[in-house]
Amino acid sequence: MPAAQQSPAKSSPAGLAPERSLTQRMDALKRANEIRTRRARLKRDLKAGRAQVHGLLLNPPDYLLTAKVFDLLLAVPKYGRVKVNRILTHCRISPSKTIGGLSERQRNELVSYLRR
């Protein structure tokens, strides 16, 4: 039987993302920080009453698409963990669902429930 030959070692294991350069990582970090800053500003506006959650759910800005619905609703005055969980359960929405991941049915049901 012939001896098994070893293949040369690969630089990255299969299934992993390729290495990113320093500039790519810094650009991604800059974008992530900008998104976090804009979300924090939006949550402050929601708490102060300067923004309406209905409009944000119906027509969300790009930086809000990957935010959790649960976290956005927590920023609304008079909405705590228990009430937000009850609303999401009533509308059949998972607490880990993102705003961009809401179906039209979920989005419309949530907005109509919040407008009551």
N, C-alpha and C. Protein backbone atom coordinates (compact mmCIF):
# COMPACT_ATOMS: atom_id res chain seq x y z
N MET A 1 0.84 -1.18 0.00
CA MET A 1 0.00 0.00 0.00
C MET A 1 0.88 1.25 0.00
N PRO A 2 0.53 2.22 -0.83
CA PRO A 2 1.33 3.44 -0.84
C PRO A 2 1.10 4.26 0.42
N ALA A 3 2.11 4.94 0.85
CA ALA A 3 1.99 5.79 2.04
C ALA A 3 1.12 7.00 1.71
N ALA A 4 0.29 7.39 2.67
CA ALA A 4 -0.60 8.54 2.47
C ALA A 4 0.22 9.81 2.43
N GLN A 5 -0.05 10.61 1.45
CA GLN A 5 0.65 11.88 1.35
C GLN A 5 -0.14 12.96 2.06
N GLN A 6 0.55 13.83 2.72
CA GLN A 6 -0.11 14.91 3.41
C GLN A 6 -0.22 16.11 2.49
N SER A 7 -1.39 16.70 2.49
CA SER A 7 -1.57 17.90 1.67
C SER A 7 -1.02 19.10 2.44
N PRO A 8 -0.59 20.12 1.73
CA PRO A 8 -0.07 21.30 2.43
C PRO A 8 -1.16 21.94 3.28
N ALA A 9 -0.78 22.48 4.40
CA ALA A 9 -1.74 23.10 5.32
C ALA A 9 -2.37 24.32 4.66
N LYS A 10 -3.66 24.42 4.85
CA LYS A 10 -4.38 25.57 4.31
C LYS A 10 -4.20 26.76 5.24
N SER A 11 -4.29 27.96 4.68
CA SER A 11 -4.10 29.15 5.49
C SER A 11 -5.31 29.42 6.40
N SER A 12 -6.50 29.01 5.95
CA SER A 12 -7.68 29.16 6.79
C SER A 12 -8.55 27.92 6.66
N PRO A 13 -9.09 27.42 7.78
CA PRO A 13 -9.94 26.23 7.72
C PRO A 13 -11.19 26.48 6.89
N ALA A 14 -11.73 25.41 6.34
CA ALA A 14 -12.93 25.52 5.51
C ALA A 14 -14.10 26.04 6.34
N GLY A 15 -14.90 26.89 5.75
CA GLY A 15 -16.10 27.40 6.42
C GLY A 15 -15.89 28.72 7.16
N LEU A 16 -14.66 29.14 7.33
CA LEU A 16 -14.42 30.40 8.03
C LEU A 16 -14.31 31.54 7.03
N ALA A 17 -14.67 32.72 7.50
CA ALA A 17 -14.58 33.90 6.64
C ALA A 17 -13.11 34.22 6.38
N PRO A 18 -12.82 34.78 5.23
CA PRO A 18 -11.42 35.13 4.93
C PRO A 18 -10.94 36.25 5.85
N GLU A 19 -9.66 36.30 6.03
CA GLU A 19 -9.07 37.35 6.86
C GLU A 19 -9.35 38.71 6.23
N ARG A 20 -9.57 39.70 7.07
CA ARG A 20 -9.80 41.05 6.58
C ARG A 20 -8.57 41.90 6.88
N SER A 21 -8.36 42.85 6.02
CA SER A 21 -7.22 43.74 6.22
C SER A 21 -7.54 44.72 7.35
N LEU A 22 -6.54 45.40 7.80
CA LEU A 22 -6.72 46.36 8.89
C LEU A 22 -7.69 47.47 8.48
N THR A 23 -7.58 47.96 7.24
CA THR A 23 -8.48 49.03 6.80
C THR A 23 -9.92 48.52 6.72
N GLN A 24 -10.13 47.28 6.30
CA GLN A 24 -11.48 46.73 6.25
C GLN A 24 -12.06 46.61 7.65
N ARG A 25 -11.25 46.15 8.59
CA ARG A 25 -11.74 46.03 9.97
C ARG A 25 -12.05 47.39 10.58
N MET A 26 -11.21 48.37 10.29
CA MET A 26 -11.44 49.71 10.83
C MET A 26 -12.69 50.35 10.22
N ASP A 27 -12.92 50.11 8.93
CA ASP A 27 -14.14 50.62 8.28
C ASP A 27 -15.38 49.99 8.89
N ALA A 28 -15.33 48.68 9.13
CA ALA A 28 -16.46 47.98 9.74
C ALA A 28 -16.72 48.50 11.15
N LEU A 29 -15.66 48.73 11.90
CA LEU A 29 -15.79 49.26 13.25
C LEU A 29 -16.39 50.66 13.23
N LYS A 30 -15.97 51.47 12.28
CA LYS A 30 -16.50 52.83 12.16
C LYS A 30 -18.00 52.80 11.85
N ARG A 31 -18.39 51.92 10.89
CA ARG A 31 -19.82 51.79 10.55
C ARG A 31 -20.63 51.31 11.75
N ALA A 32 -20.11 50.32 12.49
CA ALA A 32 -20.82 49.78 13.65
C ALA A 32 -20.99 50.84 14.73
N ASN A 33 -19.95 51.63 14.96
CA ASN A 33 -20.05 52.69 15.96
C ASN A 33 -21.05 53.77 15.54
N GLU A 34 -21.08 54.09 14.27
CA GLU A 34 -22.04 55.07 13.77
C GLU A 34 -23.47 54.57 13.95
N ILE A 35 -23.70 53.30 13.64
CA ILE A 35 -25.03 52.71 13.80
C ILE A 35 -25.44 52.72 15.27
N ARG A 36 -24.53 52.35 16.16
CA ARG A 36 -24.85 52.36 17.60
C ARG A 36 -25.18 53.77 18.09
N THR A 37 -24.43 54.75 17.60
CA THR A 37 -24.68 56.14 18.00
C THR A 37 -26.05 56.61 17.52
N ARG A 38 -26.39 56.29 16.28
CA ARG A 38 -27.69 56.71 15.73
C ARG A 38 -28.84 56.02 16.45
N ARG A 39 -28.66 54.74 16.79
CA ARG A 39 -29.71 54.03 17.54
C ARG A 39 -29.88 54.61 18.93
N ALA A 40 -28.79 54.95 19.59
CA ALA A 40 -28.87 55.54 20.93
C ALA A 40 -29.60 56.88 20.87
N ARG A 41 -29.31 57.69 19.85
CA ARG A 41 -29.99 58.98 19.68
C ARG A 41 -31.48 58.77 19.45
N LEU A 42 -31.81 57.77 18.63
CA LEU A 42 -33.21 57.47 18.35
C LEU A 42 -33.94 57.01 19.62
N LYS A 43 -33.30 56.19 20.44
CA LYS A 43 -33.93 55.74 21.68
C LYS A 43 -34.16 56.90 22.63
N ARG A 44 -33.21 57.84 22.68
CA ARG A 44 -33.41 59.04 23.50
C ARG A 44 -34.59 59.85 22.99
N ASP A 45 -34.72 59.96 21.66
CA ASP A 45 -35.84 60.69 21.08
C ASP A 45 -37.17 60.00 21.39
N LEU A 46 -37.18 58.68 21.36
CA LEU A 46 -38.40 57.94 21.70
C LEU A 46 -38.78 58.19 23.15
N LYS A 47 -37.81 58.12 24.04
CA LYS A 47 -38.09 58.34 25.47
C LYS A 47 -38.61 59.75 25.72
N ALA A 48 -38.08 60.73 24.98
CA ALA A 48 -38.48 62.12 25.17
C ALA A 48 -39.77 62.47 24.42
N GLY A 49 -40.25 61.55 23.58
CA GLY A 49 -41.48 61.82 22.83
C GLY A 49 -41.26 62.57 21.54
N ARG A 50 -40.01 62.73 21.12
CA ARG A 50 -39.72 63.45 19.87
C ARG A 50 -39.85 62.56 18.64
N ALA A 51 -39.98 61.25 18.83
CA ALA A 51 -40.14 60.30 17.71
C ALA A 51 -41.29 59.35 18.04
N GLN A 52 -41.98 58.91 17.00
CA GLN A 52 -43.10 57.97 17.18
C GLN A 52 -42.67 56.59 16.72
N VAL A 53 -42.97 55.59 17.54
CA VAL A 53 -42.57 54.22 17.23
C VAL A 53 -43.33 53.68 16.02
N HIS A 54 -44.56 54.17 15.80
CA HIS A 54 -45.37 53.67 14.68
C HIS A 54 -44.69 53.91 13.34
N GLY A 55 -44.23 55.13 13.14
CA GLY A 55 -43.56 55.47 11.89
C GLY A 55 -42.27 54.71 11.71
N LEU A 56 -41.55 54.48 12.80
CA LEU A 56 -40.28 53.75 12.71
C LEU A 56 -40.51 52.28 12.35
N LEU A 57 -41.60 51.72 12.84
CA LEU A 57 -41.90 50.32 12.51
C LEU A 57 -42.40 50.17 11.08
N LEU A 58 -43.18 51.13 10.62
CA LEU A 58 -43.73 51.04 9.26
C LEU A 58 -42.69 51.37 8.19
N ASN A 59 -41.82 52.32 8.49
CA ASN A 59 -40.80 52.73 7.52
C ASN A 59 -39.46 52.92 8.24
N PRO A 60 -38.81 51.82 8.61
CA PRO A 60 -37.58 51.94 9.41
C PRO A 60 -36.39 52.43 8.59
N PRO A 61 -35.56 53.29 9.18
CA PRO A 61 -34.31 53.69 8.49
C PRO A 61 -33.36 52.50 8.43
N ASP A 62 -32.38 52.58 7.56
CA ASP A 62 -31.45 51.47 7.33
C ASP A 62 -30.73 51.02 8.61
N TYR A 63 -30.32 51.98 9.44
CA TYR A 63 -29.56 51.63 10.63
C TYR A 63 -30.41 50.92 11.69
N LEU A 64 -31.71 50.88 11.50
CA LEU A 64 -32.61 50.26 12.47
C LEU A 64 -33.03 48.85 12.06
N LEU A 65 -32.72 48.45 10.83
CA LEU A 65 -33.18 47.15 10.33
C LEU A 65 -32.65 45.97 11.13
N THR A 66 -31.45 46.07 11.66
CA THR A 66 -30.88 44.94 12.40
C THR A 66 -31.07 45.05 13.91
N ALA A 67 -31.82 46.06 14.36
CA ALA A 67 -32.11 46.22 15.78
C ALA A 67 -33.24 45.28 16.18
N LYS A 68 -33.25 44.85 17.42
CA LYS A 68 -34.31 43.99 17.93
C LYS A 68 -35.57 44.82 18.21
N VAL A 69 -36.72 44.25 17.86
CA VAL A 69 -38.00 44.91 18.12
C VAL A 69 -38.16 45.13 19.63
N PHE A 70 -37.77 44.12 20.41
CA PHE A 70 -37.87 44.19 21.86
C PHE A 70 -37.14 45.42 22.40
N ASP A 71 -35.91 45.64 21.94
CA ASP A 71 -35.12 46.79 22.42
C ASP A 71 -35.74 48.12 22.02
N LEU A 72 -36.29 48.18 20.82
CA LEU A 72 -36.93 49.42 20.38
C LEU A 72 -38.16 49.73 21.23
N LEU A 73 -38.97 48.72 21.51
CA LEU A 73 -40.18 48.95 22.31
C LEU A 73 -39.84 49.31 23.75
N LEU A 74 -38.74 48.80 24.27
CA LEU A 74 -38.33 49.15 25.64
C LEU A 74 -38.01 50.64 25.77
N ALA A 75 -37.63 51.27 24.67
CA ALA A 75 -37.29 52.69 24.71
C ALA A 75 -38.53 53.59 24.75
N VAL A 76 -39.71 53.02 24.49
CA VAL A 76 -40.94 53.80 24.50
C VAL A 76 -41.37 54.02 25.95
N PRO A 77 -41.75 55.24 26.31
CA PRO A 77 -42.18 55.50 27.69
C PRO A 77 -43.36 54.61 28.09
N LYS A 78 -43.36 54.18 29.34
CA LYS A 78 -44.40 53.35 29.95
C LYS A 78 -44.40 51.91 29.44
N TYR A 79 -43.37 51.51 28.69
CA TYR A 79 -43.28 50.13 28.21
C TYR A 79 -42.06 49.48 28.87
N GLY A 80 -42.34 48.55 29.79
CA GLY A 80 -41.28 47.81 30.44
C GLY A 80 -41.17 46.41 29.85
N ARG A 81 -40.35 45.59 30.47
CA ARG A 81 -40.10 44.24 29.97
C ARG A 81 -41.37 43.40 29.91
N VAL A 82 -42.19 43.46 30.95
CA VAL A 82 -43.40 42.63 31.01
C VAL A 82 -44.39 43.05 29.93
N LYS A 83 -44.63 44.35 29.81
CA LYS A 83 -45.58 44.83 28.82
C LYS A 83 -45.09 44.54 27.40
N VAL A 84 -43.81 44.74 27.14
CA VAL A 84 -43.26 44.48 25.81
C VAL A 84 -43.37 42.99 25.48
N ASN A 85 -43.06 42.13 26.44
CA ASN A 85 -43.20 40.69 26.21
C ASN A 85 -44.64 40.30 25.93
N ARG A 86 -45.57 40.92 26.63
CA ARG A 86 -46.99 40.64 26.43
C ARG A 86 -47.43 41.08 25.03
N ILE A 87 -46.99 42.25 24.61
CA ILE A 87 -47.33 42.76 23.28
C ILE A 87 -46.77 41.84 22.20
N LEU A 88 -45.50 41.46 22.32
CA LEU A 88 -44.88 40.60 21.31
C LEU A 88 -45.55 39.23 21.27
N THR A 89 -45.92 38.69 22.42
CA THR A 89 -46.62 37.41 22.45
C THR A 89 -47.98 37.53 21.78
N HIS A 90 -48.70 38.61 22.06
CA HIS A 90 -50.01 38.82 21.46
C HIS A 90 -49.92 38.92 19.94
N CYS A 91 -48.87 39.56 19.45
CA CYS A 91 -48.69 39.75 18.00
C CYS A 91 -47.92 38.58 17.35
N ARG A 92 -47.62 37.56 18.12
CA ARG A 92 -46.91 36.37 17.64
C ARG A 92 -45.56 36.73 17.02
N ILE A 93 -44.78 37.50 17.79
CA ILE A 93 -43.45 37.94 17.36
C ILE A 93 -42.44 37.46 18.39
N SER A 94 -41.37 36.85 17.94
CA SER A 94 -40.30 36.40 18.83
C SER A 94 -39.56 37.61 19.39
N PRO A 95 -39.19 37.55 20.68
CA PRO A 95 -38.44 38.68 21.26
C PRO A 95 -37.09 38.92 20.58
N SER A 96 -36.56 37.92 19.90
CA SER A 96 -35.26 38.10 19.25
C SER A 96 -35.39 38.56 17.79
N LYS A 97 -36.60 38.82 17.35
CA LYS A 97 -36.85 39.24 15.96
C LYS A 97 -36.31 40.65 15.73
N THR A 98 -35.67 40.84 14.58
CA THR A 98 -35.18 42.17 14.22
C THR A 98 -36.29 42.94 13.49
N ILE A 99 -36.14 44.23 13.44
CA ILE A 99 -37.14 45.07 12.77
C ILE A 99 -37.18 44.77 11.28
N GLY A 100 -36.03 44.55 10.69
CA GLY A 100 -35.98 44.20 9.27
C GLY A 100 -36.53 42.82 8.99
N GLY A 101 -36.58 41.95 9.99
CA GLY A 101 -37.05 40.59 9.81
C GLY A 101 -38.54 40.42 10.05
N LEU A 102 -39.25 41.50 10.36
CA LEU A 102 -40.69 41.41 10.58
C LEU A 102 -41.41 41.19 9.25
N SER A 103 -42.40 40.31 9.27
CA SER A 103 -43.23 40.15 8.07
C SER A 103 -44.25 41.30 8.04
N GLU A 104 -44.90 41.46 6.91
CA GLU A 104 -45.91 42.52 6.79
C GLU A 104 -47.03 42.32 7.81
N ARG A 105 -47.45 41.06 8.00
CA ARG A 105 -48.50 40.77 8.98
C ARG A 105 -48.06 41.18 10.37
N GLN A 106 -46.85 40.78 10.76
CA GLN A 106 -46.35 41.11 12.10
C GLN A 106 -46.21 42.62 12.27
N ARG A 107 -45.69 43.27 11.26
CA ARG A 107 -45.48 44.72 11.32
C ARG A 107 -46.82 45.45 11.48
N ASN A 108 -47.80 45.10 10.65
CA ASN A 108 -49.11 45.76 10.70
C ASN A 108 -49.85 45.44 12.00
N GLU A 109 -49.76 44.19 12.46
CA GLU A 109 -50.43 43.82 13.70
C GLU A 109 -49.83 44.55 14.89
N LEU A 110 -48.50 44.67 14.91
CA LEU A 110 -47.83 45.37 16.00
C LEU A 110 -48.19 46.84 16.01
N VAL A 111 -48.18 47.48 14.85
CA VAL A 111 -48.51 48.90 14.78
C VAL A 111 -49.96 49.15 15.19
N SER A 112 -50.88 48.31 14.73
CA SER A 112 -52.28 48.51 15.11
C SER A 112 -52.48 48.27 16.61
N TYR A 113 -51.74 47.33 17.18
CA TYR A 113 -51.84 47.09 18.63
C TYR A 113 -51.30 48.28 19.42
N LEU A 114 -50.20 48.86 18.95
CA LEU A 114 -49.60 49.99 19.66
C LEU A 114 -50.42 51.27 19.53
N ARG A 115 -51.21 51.37 18.48
CA ARG A 115 -52.04 52.59 18.28
C ARG A 115 -53.29 52.60 19.14
N ARG A 116 -53.62 51.50 19.79
CA ARG A 116 -54.82 51.45 20.63
C ARG A 116 -54.68 52.32 21.85
